[in-house]
Every structure is written in structure tokens, then in C-alpha cells.
């Protein structure tokens, strides 16, 4: 669950615990992605496609989207960034060909708000020309440079289509000359968390505009402990999910970005107890005790976040609230 911005039109709050990257040029991977338990699948026209394969990949993606079989997964296509010659044709081909089967476009290497506005404008034109509902397709903005991070607040407010801000660690690490070759790992010689500021900067900008925040990939796909460590860091801060590059990372991401059963049950109990305490029957109190814990309106807001994530993850309660006797 993401805090809302009352001044911004509300976009769908889609599950994004695990965001699976799929090369748009591979029919085998496109078919396999339909069978995997990822919340979101993004079909990639950017880094996963060689320049000579990009045009063919557009048509493969259109065919894959129109074939269906994606279940409840969020369907995203990552287009190329605006500094290339491919972006406009990516958008036109995919949206004209399969816009009705597409949930979002992801724009990589976003440097400023103008780039988001440009994509919004192009999307609107293509939707109108193709007879699609204008504004239904969302945008995901990927922050991958020092310039993008500095401008992330204005980027997050650039379009009502925006649904999430995505951290692109590899390019950002290169942008700031970070002394590391392992994406997501702490650089040698720095005693604290080198990513804390970056993650919090993205998270705060996203939340200020009612958006989700997604952590980027961990490239060491045969290092499950490292993946859990890196995913746990962003999940603890409040991120909604993380990219996964291999099927083995999906289950871990789904677990890390879902509340535990204990936390989910406790959140639901707080909501029930506070609702009872503030009711006439419960004495119309602004604060109450739940066991040894005092709860109030701030407790309710925190519990709503955990309960919302638990419900979205399909958790079911294993406890029930009982009003105090007398």
C-alpha cells in the first residue's frame, strides 16, 4: 500500500514485489515468463536487446502481449531512452499493436521531468490515433544517473500517468564513479551503506507523489544470500518491490516484500482495536491499549500500510479481535 497524494489522480496500485526482466528478442523467454509467479513482467527493448535485434523484438513483444496468458501479472514494456533513435518507434509499434494488452511503459535513464512529459504526450497521441482509452497506460520512470537523482522530485510529479520510480543501480553507480563492479554490493573502503541516500531520495520523492518505489536488479543470480541482503535493505526502508533477473529470485522477492504472517495479523488487530476504541460502543477514545501496546491514529496509519501489503500478497488472518469485557 502506498500513501496517496490528494492532489494527484489515483493510478492503480499494482502488485510489484517481483518485477521480472524478460528480453523482448527471445520467444523462449517471453513464453517462459507467462508461467512464473512474478507480480510484474517487463518485456525489454533496451539493454536486453542488441541494436540489430530491436526492430524484430518490438514485433515479438506485440505478438506476445496479444497472445495473452499473462494472468494477473502487470505487463510492462521497457522502451529505449530518449537519447537514442529508437524510442518513438518503440512506443508507436508497441502501443498501436498491443496497447489494449499493456499496463505500463518503462522509460529508462530519465534525466528530467521533460522526458516524462514527452513520453506522456506521445502516448496520448498514439492512444487517440489507435482508439484506445487516453491515459490508461501508465509510466514507470527509471532513475539511473546523478542528474536523474537530483531531479527525482520534479520527475515524480511530471505526469499523472506515473505509477512508480525505479532505481537503476548499475548506470547510477557508473554515473557517480562508485568504486565497485558488483551491482548492489557495498563498495570496498566505505564503512556505511553507500546506497542509503540514493534509496531514501527515490523513496521520498515517490511517496510525496503517491507513487510506488522499486529497487533495481542484483546481478549475481547465483548468490541467493546476497540477493536477500540487498532486497531486505530496500524492503526495510519501505520499497514496494525489486527487479528479478532469474526465476530463482522471484520467490525470495515475493517473500521479502510481503509482511510476515505475524506482522500482518498484528496490523489487522490494530485496525480492529482502534476502530472499536473510537466507536461509541468502545468509548469514543482517541487512544487505547492492545495488550501492552498503546495505539492511536498514528498506529492506525502504520497498520494500514502493513495490512494493505498483506492483503495484496494474499495473506489470510489467523487471529481475531475480541473487544475487552466490561
C-alpha atoms as a PDB file:
ATOM      1  CA  UNK A   1       0.000   0.000   0.000  1.00  0.00           C
ATOM      2  CA  UNK A   2       1.324   3.422  -0.950  1.00  0.00           C
ATOM      3  CA  UNK A   3       0.439   6.710   0.688  1.00  0.00           C
ATOM      4  CA  UNK A   4      -1.753   8.791  -1.591  1.00  0.00           C
ATOM      5  CA  UNK A   5      -1.373  12.377  -2.716  1.00  0.00           C
ATOM      6  CA  UNK A   6      -4.791  14.091  -2.513  1.00  0.00           C
ATOM      7  CA  UNK A   7      -3.852  16.485  -5.333  1.00  0.00           C
ATOM      8  CA  UNK A   8      -2.942  13.734  -7.803  1.00  0.00           C
ATOM      9  CA  UNK A   9      -5.304  11.497  -9.805  1.00  0.00           C
ATOM     10  CA  UNK A  10      -5.039   7.992  -8.393  1.00  0.00           C
ATOM     11  CA  UNK A  11      -3.420   5.318 -10.534  1.00  0.00           C
ATOM     12  CA  UNK A  12      -3.949   1.596  -9.924  1.00  0.00           C
ATOM     13  CA  UNK A  13      -1.813   0.258  -7.080  1.00  0.00           C
ATOM     14  CA  UNK A  14      -0.453  -2.797  -8.874  1.00  0.00           C
ATOM     15  CA  UNK A  15       1.487  -5.582  -7.121  1.00  0.00           C
ATOM     16  CA  UNK A  16       5.191  -5.133  -7.849  1.00  0.00           C
ATOM     17  CA  UNK A  17       7.003  -7.257  -5.265  1.00  0.00           C
ATOM     18  CA  UNK A  18       8.877  -9.119  -8.007  1.00  0.00           C
ATOM     19  CA  UNK A  19       9.480  -7.397 -11.367  1.00  0.00           C
ATOM     20  CA  UNK A  20      10.830  -9.914 -13.868  1.00  0.00           C
ATOM     21  CA  UNK A  21      13.070  -8.710 -16.683  1.00  0.00           C
ATOM     22  CA  UNK A  22      12.445 -10.534 -19.997  1.00  0.00           C
ATOM     23  CA  UNK A  23      14.411  -9.942 -23.225  1.00  0.00           C
ATOM     24  CA  UNK A  24      11.953  -8.872 -25.890  1.00  0.00           C
ATOM     25  CA  UNK A  25      14.029 -10.594 -28.561  1.00  0.00           C
ATOM     26  CA  UNK A  26      13.590 -14.111 -27.149  1.00  0.00           C
ATOM     27  CA  UNK A  27      10.414 -16.090 -27.874  1.00  0.00           C
ATOM     28  CA  UNK A  28      11.563 -18.722 -25.381  1.00  0.00           C
ATOM     29  CA  UNK A  29      11.894 -16.255 -22.525  1.00  0.00           C
ATOM     30  CA  UNK A  30       8.650 -14.496 -23.491  1.00  0.00           C
ATOM     31  CA  UNK A  31       6.826 -17.828 -23.279  1.00  0.00           C
ATOM     32  CA  UNK A  32       8.536 -18.864 -20.029  1.00  0.00           C
ATOM     33  CA  UNK A  33       7.626 -15.589 -18.309  1.00  0.00           C
ATOM     34  CA  UNK A  34       3.909 -16.461 -18.514  1.00  0.00           C
ATOM     35  CA  UNK A  35       4.486 -19.475 -16.249  1.00  0.00           C
ATOM     36  CA  UNK A  36       6.437 -17.751 -13.474  1.00  0.00           C
ATOM     37  CA  UNK A  37       4.932 -16.303 -10.244  1.00  0.00           C
ATOM     38  CA  UNK A  38       6.285 -12.775 -10.712  1.00  0.00           C
ATOM     39  CA  UNK A  39       3.918  -9.911  -9.875  1.00  0.00           C
ATOM     40  CA  UNK A  40       5.144  -7.888 -12.846  1.00  0.00           C
ATOM     41  CA  UNK A  41       6.823  -8.804 -16.114  1.00  0.00           C
ATOM     42  CA  UNK A  42       8.629  -6.182 -18.161  1.00  0.00           C
ATOM     43  CA  UNK A  43       9.447  -7.030 -21.743  1.00  0.00           C
ATOM     44  CA  UNK A  44      12.692  -5.284 -22.528  1.00  0.00           C
ATOM     45  CA  UNK A  45      13.594  -3.374 -25.675  1.00  0.00           C
ATOM     46  CA  UNK A  46      16.560  -1.612 -24.100  1.00  0.00           C
ATOM     47  CA  UNK A  47      19.673  -3.240 -22.607  1.00  0.00           C
ATOM     48  CA  UNK A  48      18.484  -6.817 -23.158  1.00  0.00           C
ATOM     49  CA  UNK A  49      18.207  -6.258 -26.931  1.00  0.00           C
ATOM     50  CA  UNK A  50      21.160  -5.746 -29.257  1.00  0.00           C
ATOM     51  CA  UNK A  51      20.720  -2.793 -31.634  1.00  0.00           C
ATOM     52  CA  UNK A  52      20.191  -5.060 -34.647  1.00  0.00           C
ATOM     53  CA  UNK A  53      17.513  -7.047 -32.759  1.00  0.00           C
ATOM     54  CA  UNK A  54      15.395  -4.137 -31.549  1.00  0.00           C
ATOM     55  CA  UNK A  55      13.039  -3.814 -34.503  1.00  0.00           C
ATOM     56  CA  UNK A  56      12.238  -7.519 -34.554  1.00  0.00           C
ATOM     57  CA  UNK A  57      11.859  -7.504 -30.753  1.00  0.00           C
ATOM     58  CA  UNK A  58       9.106  -4.880 -30.976  1.00  0.00           C
ATOM     59  CA  UNK A  59       7.012  -7.215 -33.103  1.00  0.00           C
ATOM     60  CA  UNK A  60       7.762 -10.212 -30.896  1.00  0.00           C
ATOM     61  CA  UNK A  61       6.549  -8.237 -27.886  1.00  0.00           C
ATOM     62  CA  UNK A  62       3.360  -7.146 -29.659  1.00  0.00           C
ATOM     63  CA  UNK A  63       2.633 -10.762 -30.574  1.00  0.00           C
ATOM     64  CA  UNK A  64       3.361 -11.987 -27.046  1.00  0.00           C
ATOM     65  CA  UNK A  65       1.078  -9.402 -25.459  1.00  0.00           C
ATOM     66  CA  UNK A  66      -1.752 -10.122 -27.875  1.00  0.00           C
ATOM     67  CA  UNK A  67      -1.448 -13.879 -27.384  1.00  0.00           C
ATOM     68  CA  UNK A  68      -2.427 -13.381 -23.741  1.00  0.00           C
ATOM     69  CA  UNK A  69      -1.855 -15.906 -20.990  1.00  0.00           C
ATOM     70  CA  UNK A  70      -0.324 -13.358 -18.627  1.00  0.00           C
ATOM     71  CA  UNK A  71      -2.860 -13.967 -15.871  1.00  0.00           C
ATOM     72  CA  UNK A  72      -2.919 -11.226 -13.267  1.00  0.00           C
ATOM     73  CA  UNK A  73       0.656 -10.130 -13.897  1.00  0.00           C
ATOM     74  CA  UNK A  74       1.307  -6.464 -14.562  1.00  0.00           C
ATOM     75  CA  UNK A  75       2.511  -6.154 -18.174  1.00  0.00           C
ATOM     76  CA  UNK A  76       5.199  -3.544 -18.838  1.00  0.00           C
ATOM     77  CA  UNK A  77       7.421  -2.796 -21.833  1.00  0.00           C
ATOM     78  CA  UNK A  78      10.726  -1.014 -21.302  1.00  0.00           C
ATOM     79  CA  UNK A  79      11.408   1.219 -24.284  1.00  0.00           C
ATOM     80  CA  UNK A  80      14.760   2.787 -25.127  1.00  0.00           C
ATOM     81  CA  UNK A  81      15.724   6.130 -23.612  1.00  0.00           C
ATOM     82  CA  UNK A  82      15.174   9.480 -25.339  1.00  0.00           C
ATOM     83  CA  UNK A  83      18.849   9.939 -26.258  1.00  0.00           C
ATOM     84  CA  UNK A  84      18.569   7.072 -28.772  1.00  0.00           C
ATOM     85  CA  UNK A  85      16.944   6.872 -32.196  1.00  0.00           C
ATOM     86  CA  UNK A  86      14.631   4.028 -31.145  1.00  0.00           C
ATOM     87  CA  UNK A  87      12.273   5.454 -28.536  1.00  0.00           C
ATOM     88  CA  UNK A  88       9.495   6.934 -30.635  1.00  0.00           C
ATOM     89  CA  UNK A  89       9.233   3.818 -32.813  1.00  0.00           C
ATOM     90  CA  UNK A  90       9.220   1.581 -29.725  1.00  0.00           C
ATOM     91  CA  UNK A  91       6.213   3.472 -28.376  1.00  0.00           C
ATOM     92  CA  UNK A  92       4.297   3.654 -31.648  1.00  0.00           C
ATOM     93  CA  UNK A  93       4.807  -0.001 -32.605  1.00  0.00           C
ATOM     94  CA  UNK A  94       4.007  -1.450 -29.184  1.00  0.00           C
ATOM     95  CA  UNK A  95       1.058   0.776 -28.298  1.00  0.00           C
ATOM     96  CA  UNK A  96      -0.544   0.680 -31.746  1.00  0.00           C
ATOM     97  CA  UNK A  97      -0.033  -3.068 -31.914  1.00  0.00           C
ATOM     98  CA  UNK A  98      -0.914  -4.151 -28.373  1.00  0.00           C
ATOM     99  CA  UNK A  99      -1.934  -1.089 -26.336  1.00  0.00           C
ATOM    100  CA  UNK A 100      -5.076  -2.773 -25.038  1.00  0.00           C
ATOM    101  CA  UNK A 101      -2.909  -5.548 -23.523  1.00  0.00           C
ATOM    102  CA  UNK A 102      -0.342  -3.217 -21.949  1.00  0.00           C
ATOM    103  CA  UNK A 103      -0.366  -1.797 -18.429  1.00  0.00           C
ATOM    104  CA  UNK A 104       2.695   0.481 -18.435  1.00  0.00           C
ATOM    105  CA  UNK A 105       5.702   1.677 -20.375  1.00  0.00           C
ATOM    106  CA  UNK A 106       9.009   1.970 -18.553  1.00  0.00           C
ATOM    107  CA  UNK A 107      11.298   4.825 -19.578  1.00  0.00           C
ATOM    108  CA  UNK A 108      14.962   4.233 -18.682  1.00  0.00           C
ATOM    109  CA  UNK A 109      17.667   6.774 -17.912  1.00  0.00           C
ATOM    110  CA  UNK A 110      15.219   9.540 -17.033  1.00  0.00           C
ATOM    111  CA  UNK A 111      17.218  12.723 -16.506  1.00  0.00           C
ATOM    112  CA  UNK A 112      14.482  15.336 -16.065  1.00  0.00           C
ATOM    113  CA  UNK A 113      10.733  15.895 -15.994  1.00  0.00           C
ATOM    114  CA  UNK A 114      10.634  16.944 -19.651  1.00  0.00           C
ATOM    115  CA  UNK A 115      11.438  13.414 -20.728  1.00  0.00           C
ATOM    116  CA  UNK A 116       8.414  12.070 -18.847  1.00  0.00           C
ATOM    117  CA  UNK A 117       6.179  14.782 -20.312  1.00  0.00           C
ATOM    118  CA  UNK A 118       7.414  13.926 -23.797  1.00  0.00           C
ATOM    119  CA  UNK A 119       6.521  10.259 -23.320  1.00  0.00           C
ATOM    120  CA  UNK A 120       3.110  11.225 -21.919  1.00  0.00           C
ATOM    121  CA  UNK A 121       2.424  13.408 -24.966  1.00  0.00           C
ATOM    122  CA  UNK A 122       3.484  10.738 -27.439  1.00  0.00           C
ATOM    123  CA  UNK A 123       1.439   8.112 -25.603  1.00  0.00           C
ATOM    124  CA  UNK A 124      -1.631  10.348 -25.722  1.00  0.00           C
ATOM    125  CA  UNK A 125      -1.277  10.874 -29.470  1.00  0.00           C
ATOM    126  CA  UNK A 126      -0.874   7.155 -30.166  1.00  0.00           C
ATOM    127  CA  UNK A 127      -3.789   6.225 -27.898  1.00  0.00           C
ATOM    128  CA  UNK A 128      -6.078   8.682 -29.671  1.00  0.00           C
ATOM    129  CA  UNK A 129      -4.986   7.536 -33.115  1.00  0.00           C
ATOM    130  CA  UNK A 130      -5.466   3.873 -32.158  1.00  0.00           C
ATOM    131  CA  UNK A 131      -8.834   4.408 -30.490  1.00  0.00           C
ATOM    132  CA  UNK A 132      -7.517   3.451 -27.039  1.00  0.00           C
ATOM    133  CA  UNK A 133      -8.595   4.941 -23.723  1.00  0.00           C
ATOM    134  CA  UNK A 134      -6.428   8.015 -23.238  1.00  0.00           C
ATOM    135  CA  UNK A 135      -4.360   7.922 -20.071  1.00  0.00           C
ATOM    136  CA  UNK A 136      -4.921   4.282 -19.149  1.00  0.00           C
ATOM    137  CA  UNK A 137      -1.354   3.182 -19.880  1.00  0.00           C
ATOM    138  CA  UNK A 138       0.927   4.130 -17.018  1.00  0.00           C
ATOM    139  CA  UNK A 139       4.583   5.158 -16.913  1.00  0.00           C
ATOM    140  CA  UNK A 140       7.458   3.811 -14.833  1.00  0.00           C
ATOM    141  CA  UNK A 141      10.451   6.164 -14.543  1.00  0.00           C
ATOM    142  CA  UNK A 142      13.884   4.645 -14.090  1.00  0.00           C
ATOM    143  CA  UNK A 143      16.487   6.773 -12.283  1.00  0.00           C
ATOM    144  CA  UNK A 144      19.989   5.840 -13.464  1.00  0.00           C
ATOM    145  CA  UNK A 145      22.197   8.919 -13.235  1.00  0.00           C
ATOM    146  CA  UNK A 146      23.330  11.686 -10.923  1.00  0.00           C
ATOM    147  CA  UNK A 147      21.223  14.142 -12.940  1.00  0.00           C
ATOM    148  CA  UNK A 148      18.140  11.961 -12.649  1.00  0.00           C
ATOM    149  CA  UNK A 149      18.582  11.561  -8.912  1.00  0.00           C
ATOM    150  CA  UNK A 150      18.994  15.308  -8.395  1.00  0.00           C
ATOM    151  CA  UNK A 151      15.800  15.891 -10.404  1.00  0.00           C
ATOM    152  CA  UNK A 152      13.796  12.986  -8.980  1.00  0.00           C
ATOM    153  CA  UNK A 153      11.252  15.228  -7.197  1.00  0.00           C
ATOM    154  CA  UNK A 154      10.204  17.022 -10.364  1.00  0.00           C
ATOM    155  CA  UNK A 155      10.337  13.750 -12.308  1.00  0.00           C
ATOM    156  CA  UNK A 156       7.946  12.135  -9.820  1.00  0.00           C
ATOM    157  CA  UNK A 157       5.451  14.955 -10.333  1.00  0.00           C
ATOM    158  CA  UNK A 158       5.797  15.210 -14.107  1.00  0.00           C
ATOM    159  CA  UNK A 159       2.729  13.235 -15.241  1.00  0.00           C
ATOM    160  CA  UNK A 160      -0.479  11.750 -13.842  1.00  0.00           C
ATOM    161  CA  UNK A 161       0.458   8.568 -15.725  1.00  0.00           C
ATOM    162  CA  UNK A 162       3.393   7.900 -13.408  1.00  0.00           C
ATOM    163  CA  UNK A 163       2.993   4.847 -11.200  1.00  0.00           C
ATOM    164  CA  UNK A 164       6.468   4.130  -9.899  1.00  0.00           C
ATOM    165  CA  UNK A 165      10.052   5.319  -9.614  1.00  0.00           C
ATOM    166  CA  UNK A 166      12.625   2.603 -10.301  1.00  0.00           C
ATOM    167  CA  UNK A 167      16.234   2.618  -9.093  1.00  0.00           C
ATOM    168  CA  UNK A 168      18.717   1.647 -11.822  1.00  0.00           C
ATOM    169  CA  UNK A 169      21.824   0.826  -9.789  1.00  0.00           C
ATOM    170  CA  UNK A 170      24.397  -0.157 -12.424  1.00  0.00           C
ATOM    171  CA  UNK A 171      24.212   3.011 -14.509  1.00  0.00           C
ATOM    172  CA  UNK A 172      23.900   5.217 -11.444  1.00  0.00           C
ATOM    173  CA  UNK A 173      26.968   3.609  -9.891  1.00  0.00           C
ATOM    174  CA  UNK A 174      28.877   4.378 -13.091  1.00  0.00           C
ATOM    175  CA  UNK A 175      27.433   7.909 -13.191  1.00  0.00           C
ATOM    176  CA  UNK A 176      28.887   8.789  -9.795  1.00  0.00           C
ATOM    177  CA  UNK A 177      32.134   6.800 -10.266  1.00  0.00           C
ATOM    178  CA  UNK A 178      31.351   4.417  -7.415  1.00  0.00           C
ATOM    179  CA  UNK A 179      34.287   2.110  -6.689  1.00  0.00           C
ATOM    180  CA  UNK A 180      32.538  -1.200  -7.247  1.00  0.00           C
ATOM    181  CA  UNK A 181      31.963  -3.703 -10.053  1.00  0.00           C
ATOM    182  CA  UNK A 182      29.262  -5.699  -8.270  1.00  0.00           C
ATOM    183  CA  UNK A 183      25.823  -4.126  -8.620  1.00  0.00           C
ATOM    184  CA  UNK A 184      24.190  -3.698  -5.241  1.00  0.00           C
ATOM    185  CA  UNK A 185      27.220  -4.671  -3.169  1.00  0.00           C
ATOM    186  CA  UNK A 186      28.825  -2.133  -0.887  1.00  0.00           C
ATOM    187  CA  UNK A 187      31.951  -0.554  -2.397  1.00  0.00           C
ATOM    188  CA  UNK A 188      35.196  -1.505  -0.662  1.00  0.00           C
ATOM    189  CA  UNK A 189      36.561   1.016   1.796  1.00  0.00           C
ATOM    190  CA  UNK A 190      33.242   2.644   2.770  1.00  0.00           C
ATOM    191  CA  UNK A 191      32.141   1.658   6.301  1.00  0.00           C
ATOM    192  CA  UNK A 192      28.453   2.598   5.983  1.00  0.00           C
ATOM    193  CA  UNK A 193      25.643   1.899   3.493  1.00  0.00           C
ATOM    194  CA  UNK A 194      26.640   3.616   0.238  1.00  0.00           C
ATOM    195  CA  UNK A 195      23.126   3.241  -1.175  1.00  0.00           C
ATOM    196  CA  UNK A 196      21.124   4.615   1.734  1.00  0.00           C
ATOM    197  CA  UNK A 197      20.901   8.197   0.465  1.00  0.00           C
ATOM    198  CA  UNK A 198      20.045   7.080  -3.072  1.00  0.00           C
ATOM    199  CA  UNK A 199      17.292   4.729  -1.920  1.00  0.00           C
ATOM    200  CA  UNK A 200      15.794   7.245   0.510  1.00  0.00           C
ATOM    201  CA  UNK A 201      15.917  10.013  -2.081  1.00  0.00           C
ATOM    202  CA  UNK A 202      13.938   7.882  -4.525  1.00  0.00           C
ATOM    203  CA  UNK A 203      11.565   6.630  -1.839  1.00  0.00           C
ATOM    204  CA  UNK A 204      10.742  10.094  -0.507  1.00  0.00           C
ATOM    205  CA  UNK A 205      10.121  11.504  -3.977  1.00  0.00           C
ATOM    206  CA  UNK A 206       7.877   8.562  -4.830  1.00  0.00           C
ATOM    207  CA  UNK A 207       5.849   8.756  -1.630  1.00  0.00           C
ATOM    208  CA  UNK A 208       5.481  12.538  -1.833  1.00  0.00           C
ATOM    209  CA  UNK A 209       3.675  11.999  -5.139  1.00  0.00           C
ATOM    210  CA  UNK A 210       1.725   8.865  -4.196  1.00  0.00           C
ATOM    211  CA  UNK A 211       3.940   6.557  -6.274  1.00  0.00           C
ATOM    212  CA  UNK A 212       5.467   3.153  -5.677  1.00  0.00           C
ATOM    213  CA  UNK A 213       9.238   2.745  -5.341  1.00  0.00           C
ATOM    214  CA  UNK A 214      11.056  -0.227  -6.881  1.00  0.00           C
ATOM    215  CA  UNK A 215      14.617  -1.373  -6.237  1.00  0.00           C
ATOM    216  CA  UNK A 216      16.726  -2.404  -9.212  1.00  0.00           C
ATOM    217  CA  UNK A 217      18.418  -5.720 -10.007  1.00  0.00           C
ATOM    218  CA  UNK A 218      21.005  -7.788  -8.193  1.00  0.00           C
ATOM    219  CA  UNK A 219      23.149  -9.242 -10.969  1.00  0.00           C
ATOM    220  CA  UNK A 220      24.757 -12.094  -9.013  1.00  0.00           C
ATOM    221  CA  UNK A 221      21.967 -14.556  -9.785  1.00  0.00           C
ATOM    222  CA  UNK A 222      23.778 -17.486  -8.120  1.00  0.00           C
ATOM    223  CA  UNK A 223      24.153 -15.618  -4.830  1.00  0.00           C
ATOM    224  CA  UNK A 224      20.797 -16.018  -3.050  1.00  0.00           C
ATOM    225  CA  UNK A 225      22.160 -14.769   0.263  1.00  0.00           C
ATOM    226  CA  UNK A 226      23.385 -11.588  -1.375  1.00  0.00           C
ATOM    227  CA  UNK A 227      20.033 -11.073  -3.066  1.00  0.00           C
ATOM    228  CA  UNK A 228      18.207 -11.467   0.246  1.00  0.00           C
ATOM    229  CA  UNK A 229      20.560  -8.983   1.904  1.00  0.00           C
ATOM    230  CA  UNK A 230      20.136  -6.333  -0.786  1.00  0.00           C
ATOM    231  CA  UNK A 231      16.381  -6.866  -1.124  1.00  0.00           C
ATOM    232  CA  UNK A 232      15.961  -6.794   2.638  1.00  0.00           C
ATOM    233  CA  UNK A 233      17.662  -3.402   2.798  1.00  0.00           C
ATOM    234  CA  UNK A 234      15.223  -1.691   0.435  1.00  0.00           C
ATOM    235  CA  UNK A 235      12.229  -3.589   1.826  1.00  0.00           C
ATOM    236  CA  UNK A 236      13.094  -2.402   5.337  1.00  0.00           C
ATOM    237  CA  UNK A 237      13.062   1.203   4.134  1.00  0.00           C
ATOM    238  CA  UNK A 238       9.614   0.770   2.580  1.00  0.00           C
ATOM    239  CA  UNK A 239      10.200  -0.071  -1.082  1.00  0.00           C
ATOM    240  CA  UNK A 240       7.405  -1.972  -2.788  1.00  0.00           C
ATOM    241  CA  UNK A 241       9.455  -4.482  -4.756  1.00  0.00           C
ATOM    242  CA  UNK A 242      12.597  -5.343  -6.653  1.00  0.00           C
ATOM    243  CA  UNK A 243      13.677  -6.405 -10.118  1.00  0.00           C
ATOM    244  CA  UNK A 244      14.427 -10.085 -10.593  1.00  0.00           C
ATOM    245  CA  UNK A 245      16.658 -11.354 -13.393  1.00  0.00           C
ATOM    246  CA  UNK A 246      16.212 -15.105 -12.859  1.00  0.00           C
ATOM    247  CA  UNK A 247      13.295 -17.333 -11.827  1.00  0.00           C
ATOM    248  CA  UNK A 248      15.209 -18.347  -8.682  1.00  0.00           C
ATOM    249  CA  UNK A 249      14.963 -14.759  -7.386  1.00  0.00           C
ATOM    250  CA  UNK A 250      11.170 -14.481  -7.701  1.00  0.00           C
ATOM    251  CA  UNK A 251      10.107 -16.421  -4.616  1.00  0.00           C
ATOM    252  CA  UNK A 252      12.660 -14.576  -2.483  1.00  0.00           C
ATOM    253  CA  UNK A 253      11.445 -11.169  -3.696  1.00  0.00           C
ATOM    254  CA  UNK A 254       7.801 -12.059  -3.106  1.00  0.00           C
ATOM    255  CA  UNK A 255       8.628 -13.128   0.441  1.00  0.00           C
ATOM    256  CA  UNK A 256      10.892 -10.186   1.313  1.00  0.00           C
ATOM    257  CA  UNK A 257       8.405  -7.563   0.092  1.00  0.00           C
ATOM    258  CA  UNK A 258       5.431  -9.164   1.837  1.00  0.00           C
ATOM    259  CA  UNK A 259       4.818  -8.759   5.581  1.00  0.00           C
ATOM    260  CA  UNK A 260       5.277 -11.792   7.787  1.00  0.00           C
ATOM    261  CA  UNK A 261       2.136 -13.571   8.944  1.00  0.00           C
ATOM    262  CA  UNK A 262       2.787 -12.300  12.474  1.00  0.00           C
ATOM    263  CA  UNK A 263       3.114  -8.677  11.366  1.00  0.00           C
ATOM    264  CA  UNK A 264       0.057  -8.949   9.122  1.00  0.00           C
ATOM    265  CA  UNK A 265      -2.092 -10.381  11.924  1.00  0.00           C
ATOM    266  CA  UNK A 266      -0.873  -7.693  14.308  1.00  0.00           C
ATOM    267  CA  UNK A 267      -1.689  -4.935  11.822  1.00  0.00           C
ATOM    268  CA  UNK A 268      -5.227  -6.228  11.360  1.00  0.00           C
ATOM    269  CA  UNK A 269      -5.672  -6.429  15.132  1.00  0.00           C
ATOM    270  CA  UNK A 270      -4.540  -2.808  15.491  1.00  0.00           C
ATOM    271  CA  UNK A 271      -7.082  -1.713  12.891  1.00  0.00           C
ATOM    272  CA  UNK A 272      -9.901  -3.612  14.595  1.00  0.00           C
ATOM    273  CA  UNK A 273      -8.926  -2.462  18.084  1.00  0.00           C
ATOM    274  CA  UNK A 274      -8.647   1.175  17.039  1.00  0.00           C
ATOM    275  CA  UNK A 275     -11.953   1.072  15.181  1.00  0.00           C
ATOM    276  CA  UNK A 276     -13.594  -0.328  18.320  1.00  0.00           C
ATOM    277  CA  UNK A 277     -11.907   2.193  20.638  1.00  0.00           C
ATOM    278  CA  UNK A 278     -13.036   5.175  18.569  1.00  0.00           C
ATOM    279  CA  UNK A 279     -16.609   3.905  18.269  1.00  0.00           C
ATOM    280  CA  UNK A 280     -19.417   4.871  20.612  1.00  0.00           C
ATOM    281  CA  UNK A 281     -19.519   1.330  21.931  1.00  0.00           C
ATOM    282  CA  UNK A 282     -15.803   1.447  22.656  1.00  0.00           C
ATOM    283  CA  UNK A 283     -15.986   4.794  24.448  1.00  0.00           C
ATOM    284  CA  UNK A 284     -15.068   7.092  21.539  1.00  0.00           C
ATOM    285  CA  UNK A 285     -11.449   7.185  22.666  1.00  0.00           C
ATOM    286  CA  UNK A 286      -8.556   8.510  20.611  1.00  0.00           C
ATOM    287  CA  UNK A 287      -6.087   6.091  22.179  1.00  0.00           C
ATOM    288  CA  UNK A 288      -6.445   2.610  23.595  1.00  0.00           C
ATOM    289  CA  UNK A 289      -4.456  -0.391  24.764  1.00  0.00           C
ATOM    290  CA  UNK A 290      -3.954  -3.516  22.675  1.00  0.00           C
ATOM    291  CA  UNK A 291      -2.338  -5.847  25.151  1.00  0.00           C
ATOM    292  CA  UNK A 292       0.677  -3.951  26.436  1.00  0.00           C
ATOM    293  CA  UNK A 293       0.754  -1.610  23.429  1.00  0.00           C
ATOM    294  CA  UNK A 294      -0.850   1.815  23.272  1.00  0.00           C
ATOM    295  CA  UNK A 295      -2.393   2.530  19.872  1.00  0.00           C
ATOM    296  CA  UNK A 296      -3.681   5.756  18.342  1.00  0.00           C
ATOM    297  CA  UNK A 297      -4.283   7.335  14.934  1.00  0.00           C
ATOM    298  CA  UNK A 298      -0.602   7.113  14.019  1.00  0.00           C
ATOM    299  CA  UNK A 299      -0.697   3.389  14.848  1.00  0.00           C
ATOM    300  CA  UNK A 300      -3.701   3.004  12.552  1.00  0.00           C
ATOM    301  CA  UNK A 301      -1.858   4.645   9.638  1.00  0.00           C
ATOM    302  CA  UNK A 302       1.163   2.380  10.102  1.00  0.00           C
ATOM    303  CA  UNK A 303      -1.072  -0.680  10.386  1.00  0.00           C
ATOM    304  CA  UNK A 304      -2.901   0.253   7.189  1.00  0.00           C
ATOM    305  CA  UNK A 305       0.367   0.014   5.250  1.00  0.00           C
ATOM    306  CA  UNK A 306       1.228  -3.457   6.570  1.00  0.00           C
ATOM    307  CA  UNK A 307      -2.343  -4.729   6.286  1.00  0.00           C
ATOM    308  CA  UNK A 308      -2.595  -3.424   2.730  1.00  0.00           C
ATOM    309  CA  UNK A 309       0.592  -5.192   1.686  1.00  0.00           C
ATOM    310  CA  UNK A 310      -0.528  -8.385   3.382  1.00  0.00           C
ATOM    311  CA  UNK A 311      -3.904  -8.376   1.661  1.00  0.00           C
ATOM    312  CA  UNK A 312      -2.242  -7.690  -1.695  1.00  0.00           C
ATOM    313  CA  UNK A 313       0.057 -10.657  -1.076  1.00  0.00           C
ATOM    314  CA  UNK A 314      -2.945 -12.900  -0.413  1.00  0.00           C
ATOM    315  CA  UNK A 315      -2.353 -13.412   3.315  1.00  0.00           C
ATOM    316  CA  UNK A 316      -5.276 -14.543   5.463  1.00  0.00           C
ATOM    317  CA  UNK A 317      -5.785 -13.685   9.108  1.00  0.00           C
ATOM    318  CA  UNK A 318      -5.016 -16.280  11.748  1.00  0.00           C
ATOM    319  CA  UNK A 319      -6.255 -14.208  14.697  1.00  0.00           C
ATOM    320  CA  UNK A 320      -9.367 -12.203  15.554  1.00  0.00           C
ATOM    321  CA  UNK A 321     -10.013  -9.147  17.710  1.00  0.00           C
ATOM    322  CA  UNK A 322     -12.170  -9.582  20.788  1.00  0.00           C
ATOM    323  CA  UNK A 323     -13.489  -6.410  22.465  1.00  0.00           C
ATOM    324  CA  UNK A 324     -12.461  -6.165  26.131  1.00  0.00           C
ATOM    325  CA  UNK A 325     -15.035  -7.347  28.624  1.00  0.00           C
ATOM    326  CA  UNK A 326     -16.789  -4.719  30.723  1.00  0.00           C
END
